[in-house]
Amino acid sequence: PQLVQNIQQGQPPLIMMYLFQEDEPVAVFYILVANQQYLAMNVQLANEISKYLTLSQEFFKRDVQLRSTEKLIEDFLNQQYTDDEDGIAASEKLQKSVGVGQWRLALLRNRHRKDQIYKKSMIYVLKNTAKVPCIVYRDEILFLLPEMRQVQVIECIKQQMPLDSLFLTFSMPTTDFFSLPLRCEQVFFTAQPAEAEQGVYKC
């Protein structure tokens, strides 16, 4: 729970309680605190909260399935969605986390490290520094790379590992999240002939 000062003048503050899934807030419950004399904190978190409000139907609709970005990617990869209302809603939510335009699925490896500690640390960097949706799938780090942010994200990754360790493969570009299983096959296919060498490879 966190105490949040209401941004509207004269309105009572809120106590916000978040529900997390895979370290990502997917729902929120809040209580108006009417008697302000009991409050000693004054924390302004409106900007942090608003970005999650725009990404998640769970914040403003009833009876909506709770799904983190990681869970959405996993379900698309496992072909859990069809082109129905639920699948379209899942696709729209994932699109908001990727941004406008085309994206590629990317596979990231460190050629000299394959341990879980390293993978978890890179997932943290991708989520919080590069700000791209990511997942560990088939024991590999996969992430969704917006075409418009390709250079920026690659530079961010290069700062986290030596160049002789960097191995990165891309799928072909798309805007269709239902094609994620195909994009997954493309990144693994691209990785096969290039495995011995460091570098960035595109399908």
C-alpha atoms as a PDB file:
ATOM      1  CA  PRO A   1       0.000   0.000   0.000  1.00  0.00           C
ATOM      2  CA  GLN A   2       1.053   3.579  -0.674  1.00  0.00           C
ATOM      3  CA  LEU A   3      -0.378   6.910   0.378  1.00  0.00           C
ATOM      4  CA  VAL A   4      -0.950   9.266  -2.528  1.00  0.00           C
ATOM      5  CA  GLN A   5      -1.812  12.952  -2.253  1.00  0.00           C
ATOM      6  CA  ASN A   6      -4.821  13.687  -4.435  1.00  0.00           C
ATOM      7  CA  ILE A   7      -3.944  16.022  -7.313  1.00  0.00           C
ATOM      8  CA  GLN A   8      -7.268  17.863  -7.047  1.00  0.00           C
ATOM      9  CA  GLN A   9      -7.158  20.851  -4.723  1.00  0.00           C
ATOM     10  CA  GLY A  10      -9.104  20.330  -1.514  1.00  0.00           C
ATOM     11  CA  GLN A  11      -9.815  16.648  -2.201  1.00  0.00           C
ATOM     12  CA  PRO A  12      -8.810  13.948   0.311  1.00  0.00           C
ATOM     13  CA  PRO A  13      -5.721  11.822  -0.316  1.00  0.00           C
ATOM     14  CA  LEU A  14      -5.899   8.195  -1.428  1.00  0.00           C
ATOM     15  CA  ILE A  15      -4.472   5.018   0.039  1.00  0.00           C
ATOM     16  CA  MET A  16      -3.565   2.898  -2.994  1.00  0.00           C
ATOM     17  CA  MET A  17      -3.060  -0.864  -2.783  1.00  0.00           C
ATOM     18  CA  TYR A  18      -1.547  -2.545  -5.842  1.00  0.00           C
ATOM     19  CA  LEU A  19      -1.766  -6.122  -7.054  1.00  0.00           C
ATOM     20  CA  PHE A  20       1.444  -7.257  -8.755  1.00  0.00           C
ATOM     21  CA  GLN A  21       2.021 -10.075 -11.227  1.00  0.00           C
ATOM     22  CA  GLU A  22       5.584 -10.784 -12.406  1.00  0.00           C
ATOM     23  CA  ASP A  23       6.690  -7.552 -10.641  1.00  0.00           C
ATOM     24  CA  GLU A  24       4.185  -5.507 -12.666  1.00  0.00           C
ATOM     25  CA  PRO A  25       1.112  -3.768 -11.189  1.00  0.00           C
ATOM     26  CA  VAL A  26      -1.999  -5.211 -12.834  1.00  0.00           C
ATOM     27  CA  ALA A  27      -4.772  -3.886 -10.578  1.00  0.00           C
ATOM     28  CA  VAL A  28      -5.359  -1.287  -7.888  1.00  0.00           C
ATOM     29  CA  PHE A  29      -7.760  -0.708  -5.009  1.00  0.00           C
ATOM     30  CA  TYR A  30      -7.971   2.701  -3.345  1.00  0.00           C
ATOM     31  CA  ILE A  31      -9.527   4.299  -0.277  1.00  0.00           C
ATOM     32  CA  LEU A  32     -10.269   8.013   0.114  1.00  0.00           C
ATOM     33  CA  VAL A  33      -8.895   9.348   3.403  1.00  0.00           C
ATOM     34  CA  ALA A  34     -11.411  11.950   4.485  1.00  0.00           C
ATOM     35  CA  ASN A  35      -9.745  13.106   7.722  1.00  0.00           C
ATOM     36  CA  GLN A  36      -6.479  14.690   6.599  1.00  0.00           C
ATOM     37  CA  GLN A  37      -5.307  15.576  10.136  1.00  0.00           C
ATOM     38  CA  TYR A  38      -4.209  11.961  10.597  1.00  0.00           C
ATOM     39  CA  LEU A  39      -1.877  12.118   7.604  1.00  0.00           C
ATOM     40  CA  ALA A  40       1.782  13.018   7.912  1.00  0.00           C
ATOM     41  CA  MET A  41       2.894  11.931   4.415  1.00  0.00           C
ATOM     42  CA  ASN A  42       2.541  13.962   1.257  1.00  0.00           C
ATOM     43  CA  VAL A  43       3.713  11.881  -1.705  1.00  0.00           C
ATOM     44  CA  GLN A  44       2.870  12.851  -5.272  1.00  0.00           C
ATOM     45  CA  LEU A  45       2.803   9.732  -7.464  1.00  0.00           C
ATOM     46  CA  ALA A  46       0.194  10.794 -10.027  1.00  0.00           C
ATOM     47  CA  ASN A  47       2.593  10.521 -12.973  1.00  0.00           C
ATOM     48  CA  GLU A  48       3.641   7.005 -11.994  1.00  0.00           C
ATOM     49  CA  ILE A  49       0.052   5.873 -11.537  1.00  0.00           C
ATOM     50  CA  SER A  50      -1.309   7.437 -14.728  1.00  0.00           C
ATOM     51  CA  LYS A  51       0.920   5.425 -17.083  1.00  0.00           C
ATOM     52  CA  TYR A  52      -0.438   2.185 -15.638  1.00  0.00           C
ATOM     53  CA  LEU A  53      -3.996   3.463 -15.857  1.00  0.00           C
ATOM     54  CA  THR A  54      -3.568   3.991 -19.595  1.00  0.00           C
ATOM     55  CA  LEU A  55      -2.087   0.522 -20.140  1.00  0.00           C
ATOM     56  CA  SER A  56      -4.481  -1.659 -18.169  1.00  0.00           C
ATOM     57  CA  GLN A  57      -8.186  -2.309 -18.526  1.00  0.00           C
ATOM     58  CA  GLU A  58      -7.942  -3.985 -15.120  1.00  0.00           C
ATOM     59  CA  PHE A  59      -7.839  -0.563 -13.471  1.00  0.00           C
ATOM     60  CA  PHE A  60     -11.192   0.690 -14.714  1.00  0.00           C
ATOM     61  CA  LYS A  61     -13.340  -2.302 -15.761  1.00  0.00           C
ATOM     62  CA  ARG A  62     -14.981  -5.003 -13.677  1.00  0.00           C
ATOM     63  CA  ASP A  63     -14.492  -8.726 -14.224  1.00  0.00           C
ATOM     64  CA  VAL A  64     -11.423  -8.315 -16.427  1.00  0.00           C
ATOM     65  CA  GLN A  65      -8.746 -11.016 -16.353  1.00  0.00           C
ATOM     66  CA  LEU A  66      -5.560  -9.840 -14.643  1.00  0.00           C
ATOM     67  CA  ARG A  67      -2.663 -10.110 -17.105  1.00  0.00           C
ATOM     68  CA  SER A  68       0.821  -8.673 -16.854  1.00  0.00           C
ATOM     69  CA  THR A  69       2.795  -7.883 -19.993  1.00  0.00           C
ATOM     70  CA  GLU A  70       4.922 -10.977 -19.383  1.00  0.00           C
ATOM     71  CA  LYS A  71       1.812 -13.141 -19.080  1.00  0.00           C
ATOM     72  CA  LEU A  72       0.387 -11.680 -22.307  1.00  0.00           C
ATOM     73  CA  ILE A  73       3.576 -12.456 -24.253  1.00  0.00           C
ATOM     74  CA  GLU A  74       3.681 -15.996 -22.869  1.00  0.00           C
ATOM     75  CA  ASP A  75       0.035 -16.644 -23.778  1.00  0.00           C
ATOM     76  CA  PHE A  76       0.487 -15.288 -27.315  1.00  0.00           C
ATOM     77  CA  LEU A  77       3.609 -17.448 -27.753  1.00  0.00           C
ATOM     78  CA  ASN A  78       1.647 -20.486 -26.568  1.00  0.00           C
ATOM     79  CA  GLN A  79      -1.240 -19.638 -28.936  1.00  0.00           C
ATOM     80  CA  GLN A  80      -3.714 -19.157 -26.092  1.00  0.00           C
ATOM     81  CA  TYR A  81      -5.572 -16.354 -27.899  1.00  0.00           C
ATOM     82  CA  THR A  82      -7.835 -16.368 -30.911  1.00  0.00           C
ATOM     83  CA  ASP A  83      -9.096 -13.426 -32.899  1.00  0.00           C
ATOM     84  CA  ASP A  84     -12.079 -12.903 -30.579  1.00  0.00           C
ATOM     85  CA  GLU A  85     -12.932 -10.099 -28.153  1.00  0.00           C
ATOM     86  CA  ASP A  86     -10.551 -11.375 -25.460  1.00  0.00           C
ATOM     87  CA  GLY A  87      -7.698 -11.853 -27.932  1.00  0.00           C
ATOM     88  CA  ILE A  88      -8.177  -8.407 -29.435  1.00  0.00           C
ATOM     89  CA  ALA A  89      -8.226  -6.825 -25.949  1.00  0.00           C
ATOM     90  CA  ALA A  90      -4.986  -8.664 -25.087  1.00  0.00           C
ATOM     91  CA  SER A  91      -3.424  -7.511 -28.361  1.00  0.00           C
ATOM     92  CA  GLU A  92      -4.437  -3.894 -27.732  1.00  0.00           C
ATOM     93  CA  LYS A  93      -2.941  -3.939 -24.236  1.00  0.00           C
ATOM     94  CA  LEU A  94       0.335  -5.385 -25.502  1.00  0.00           C
ATOM     95  CA  GLN A  95       0.419  -2.823 -28.323  1.00  0.00           C
ATOM     96  CA  LYS A  96       0.250  -0.018 -25.767  1.00  0.00           C
ATOM     97  CA  SER A  97       3.311  -1.372 -24.001  1.00  0.00           C
ATOM     98  CA  VAL A  98       5.232  -1.607 -27.305  1.00  0.00           C
ATOM     99  CA  GLY A  99       4.081   1.689 -28.805  1.00  0.00           C
ATOM    100  CA  VAL A 100       2.930   2.629 -32.281  1.00  0.00           C
ATOM    101  CA  GLY A 101       4.244   1.053 -35.450  1.00  0.00           C
ATOM    102  CA  GLN A 102       6.005  -2.188 -36.240  1.00  0.00           C
ATOM    103  CA  TRP A 103       8.018  -4.274 -33.800  1.00  0.00           C
ATOM    104  CA  ARG A 104      10.284  -7.334 -33.918  1.00  0.00           C
ATOM    105  CA  LEU A 105      10.704 -10.209 -31.531  1.00  0.00           C
ATOM    106  CA  ALA A 106      14.326 -10.346 -30.361  1.00  0.00           C
ATOM    107  CA  LEU A 107      16.403 -13.086 -28.740  1.00  0.00           C
ATOM    108  CA  LEU A 108      19.249 -11.953 -26.465  1.00  0.00           C
ATOM    109  CA  ARG A 109      22.160 -14.095 -25.241  1.00  0.00           C
ATOM    110  CA  ASN A 110      25.386 -13.515 -23.446  1.00  0.00           C
ATOM    111  CA  ARG A 111      27.785 -15.921 -25.182  1.00  0.00           C
ATOM    112  CA  HIS A 112      29.782 -16.449 -21.986  1.00  0.00           C
ATOM    113  CA  ARG A 113      27.042 -16.519 -19.364  1.00  0.00           C
ATOM    114  CA  LYS A 114      23.898 -18.648 -19.289  1.00  0.00           C
ATOM    115  CA  ASP A 115      23.129 -18.648 -15.565  1.00  0.00           C
ATOM    116  CA  GLN A 116      19.755 -17.652 -14.119  1.00  0.00           C
ATOM    117  CA  ILE A 117      21.188 -14.740 -12.121  1.00  0.00           C
ATOM    118  CA  TYR A 118      22.422 -13.148 -15.317  1.00  0.00           C
ATOM    119  CA  LYS A 119      19.114 -13.727 -17.105  1.00  0.00           C
ATOM    120  CA  LYS A 120      17.145 -12.179 -14.263  1.00  0.00           C
ATOM    121  CA  SER A 121      19.433  -9.154 -14.196  1.00  0.00           C
ATOM    122  CA  MET A 122      19.046  -8.636 -17.961  1.00  0.00           C
ATOM    123  CA  ILE A 123      15.263  -8.987 -17.721  1.00  0.00           C
ATOM    124  CA  TYR A 124      15.371  -6.249 -15.081  1.00  0.00           C
ATOM    125  CA  VAL A 125      17.444  -4.009 -17.378  1.00  0.00           C
ATOM    126  CA  LEU A 126      15.165  -4.609 -20.356  1.00  0.00           C
ATOM    127  CA  LYS A 127      12.035  -3.832 -18.321  1.00  0.00           C
ATOM    128  CA  ASN A 128      13.289  -0.855 -16.355  1.00  0.00           C
ATOM    129  CA  THR A 129      16.070   0.747 -18.418  1.00  0.00           C
ATOM    130  CA  ALA A 130      15.331  -0.187 -22.025  1.00  0.00           C
ATOM    131  CA  LYS A 131      11.592  -0.268 -21.193  1.00  0.00           C
ATOM    132  CA  VAL A 132      10.645  -3.069 -23.569  1.00  0.00           C
ATOM    133  CA  PRO A 133       8.293  -5.997 -22.810  1.00  0.00           C
ATOM    134  CA  CYS A 134      10.360  -9.132 -22.166  1.00  0.00           C
ATOM    135  CA  ILE A 135      10.192 -12.731 -20.968  1.00  0.00           C
ATOM    136  CA  VAL A 136      12.346 -15.800 -20.386  1.00  0.00           C
ATOM    137  CA  TYR A 137      10.918 -18.409 -22.773  1.00  0.00           C
ATOM    138  CA  ARG A 138      12.417 -21.779 -23.727  1.00  0.00           C
ATOM    139  CA  ASP A 139      15.287 -20.772 -21.427  1.00  0.00           C
ATOM    140  CA  GLU A 140      16.064 -17.747 -23.637  1.00  0.00           C
ATOM    141  CA  ILE A 141      15.578 -14.012 -23.116  1.00  0.00           C
ATOM    142  CA  LEU A 142      12.995 -12.723 -25.604  1.00  0.00           C
ATOM    143  CA  PHE A 143      11.739  -9.156 -25.909  1.00  0.00           C
ATOM    144  CA  LEU A 144       9.539  -7.037 -28.162  1.00  0.00           C
ATOM    145  CA  LEU A 145      11.591  -4.370 -29.907  1.00  0.00           C
ATOM    146  CA  PRO A 146       9.789  -1.379 -31.479  1.00  0.00           C
ATOM    147  CA  GLU A 147      11.287  -0.613 -34.899  1.00  0.00           C
ATOM    148  CA  MET A 148      11.570   3.090 -34.073  1.00  0.00           C
ATOM    149  CA  ARG A 149      13.625   2.375 -30.913  1.00  0.00           C
ATOM    150  CA  GLN A 150      15.994  -0.228 -32.346  1.00  0.00           C
ATOM    151  CA  VAL A 151      19.217   1.819 -32.105  1.00  0.00           C
ATOM    152  CA  GLN A 152      18.397   3.124 -28.629  1.00  0.00           C
ATOM    153  CA  VAL A 153      17.621  -0.316 -27.182  1.00  0.00           C
ATOM    154  CA  ILE A 154      20.695  -1.974 -28.734  1.00  0.00           C
ATOM    155  CA  GLU A 155      22.907   0.758 -27.271  1.00  0.00           C
ATOM    156  CA  CYS A 156      21.324   0.167 -23.862  1.00  0.00           C
ATOM    157  CA  ILE A 157      22.101  -3.564 -24.123  1.00  0.00           C
ATOM    158  CA  LYS A 158      25.693  -2.901 -25.242  1.00  0.00           C
ATOM    159  CA  GLN A 159      26.261  -0.905 -22.073  1.00  0.00           C
ATOM    160  CA  GLN A 160      25.360  -3.988 -20.010  1.00  0.00           C
ATOM    161  CA  MET A 161      27.744  -6.528 -21.541  1.00  0.00           C
ATOM    162  CA  PRO A 162      31.071  -6.750 -23.423  1.00  0.00           C
ATOM    163  CA  LEU A 163      30.667  -6.646 -27.202  1.00  0.00           C
ATOM    164  CA  ASP A 164      32.338 -10.036 -27.604  1.00  0.00           C
ATOM    165  CA  SER A 165      29.536 -11.512 -25.465  1.00  0.00           C
ATOM    166  CA  LEU A 166      26.590  -9.909 -27.280  1.00  0.00           C
ATOM    167  CA  PHE A 167      24.424 -12.234 -29.369  1.00  0.00           C
ATOM    168  CA  LEU A 168      21.129 -10.791 -30.608  1.00  0.00           C
ATOM    169  CA  THR A 169      18.724 -12.056 -33.263  1.00  0.00           C
ATOM    170  CA  PHE A 170      15.606 -10.364 -34.650  1.00  0.00           C
ATOM    171  CA  SER A 171      12.471 -11.687 -36.288  1.00  0.00           C
ATOM    172  CA  MET A 172      10.962 -10.027 -39.322  1.00  0.00           C
ATOM    173  CA  PRO A 173       8.939  -6.876 -38.470  1.00  0.00           C
ATOM    174  CA  THR A 174       5.196  -7.037 -37.850  1.00  0.00           C
ATOM    175  CA  THR A 175       2.277  -5.391 -36.043  1.00  0.00           C
ATOM    176  CA  ASP A 176       0.385  -8.658 -35.434  1.00  0.00           C
ATOM    177  CA  PHE A 177       0.716 -10.155 -31.951  1.00  0.00           C
ATOM    178  CA  PHE A 178      -1.118 -13.289 -33.073  1.00  0.00           C
ATOM    179  CA  SER A 179       1.967 -13.999 -35.204  1.00  0.00           C
ATOM    180  CA  LEU A 180       4.261 -14.204 -32.136  1.00  0.00           C
ATOM    181  CA  PRO A 181       4.696 -18.005 -32.448  1.00  0.00           C
ATOM    182  CA  LEU A 182       5.966 -17.484 -36.014  1.00  0.00           C
ATOM    183  CA  ARG A 183       8.275 -14.636 -34.874  1.00  0.00           C
ATOM    184  CA  CYS A 184       9.599 -16.935 -32.154  1.00  0.00           C
ATOM    185  CA  GLU A 185      10.513 -19.581 -34.739  1.00  0.00           C
ATOM    186  CA  GLN A 186      12.215 -16.877 -36.815  1.00  0.00           C
ATOM    187  CA  VAL A 187      14.513 -15.728 -33.981  1.00  0.00           C
ATOM    188  CA  PHE A 188      15.506 -19.313 -33.124  1.00  0.00           C
ATOM    189  CA  PHE A 189      16.013 -20.120 -36.814  1.00  0.00           C
ATOM    190  CA  THR A 190      18.229 -17.043 -37.215  1.00  0.00           C
ATOM    191  CA  ALA A 191      20.244 -18.024 -34.143  1.00  0.00           C
ATOM    192  CA  GLN A 192      21.201 -21.488 -35.465  1.00  0.00           C
ATOM    193  CA  PRO A 193      23.791 -20.645 -38.156  1.00  0.00           C
ATOM    194  CA  ALA A 194      25.155 -17.644 -36.258  1.00  0.00           C
ATOM    195  CA  GLU A 195      25.600 -19.191 -32.806  1.00  0.00           C
ATOM    196  CA  ALA A 196      29.400 -19.311 -32.890  1.00  0.00           C
ATOM    197  CA  GLU A 197      29.864 -15.561 -33.459  1.00  0.00           C
ATOM    198  CA  GLN A 198      28.917 -12.471 -31.533  1.00  0.00           C
ATOM    199  CA  GLY A 199      26.821  -9.804 -33.248  1.00  0.00           C
ATOM    200  CA  VAL A 200      23.319  -8.706 -34.241  1.00  0.00           C
ATOM    201  CA  TYR A 201      21.437 -10.810 -36.800  1.00  0.00           C
ATOM    202  CA  LYS A 202      18.086 -10.230 -38.525  1.00  0.00           C
ATOM    203  CA  CYS A 203      15.839 -12.845 -40.068  1.00  0.00           C
END
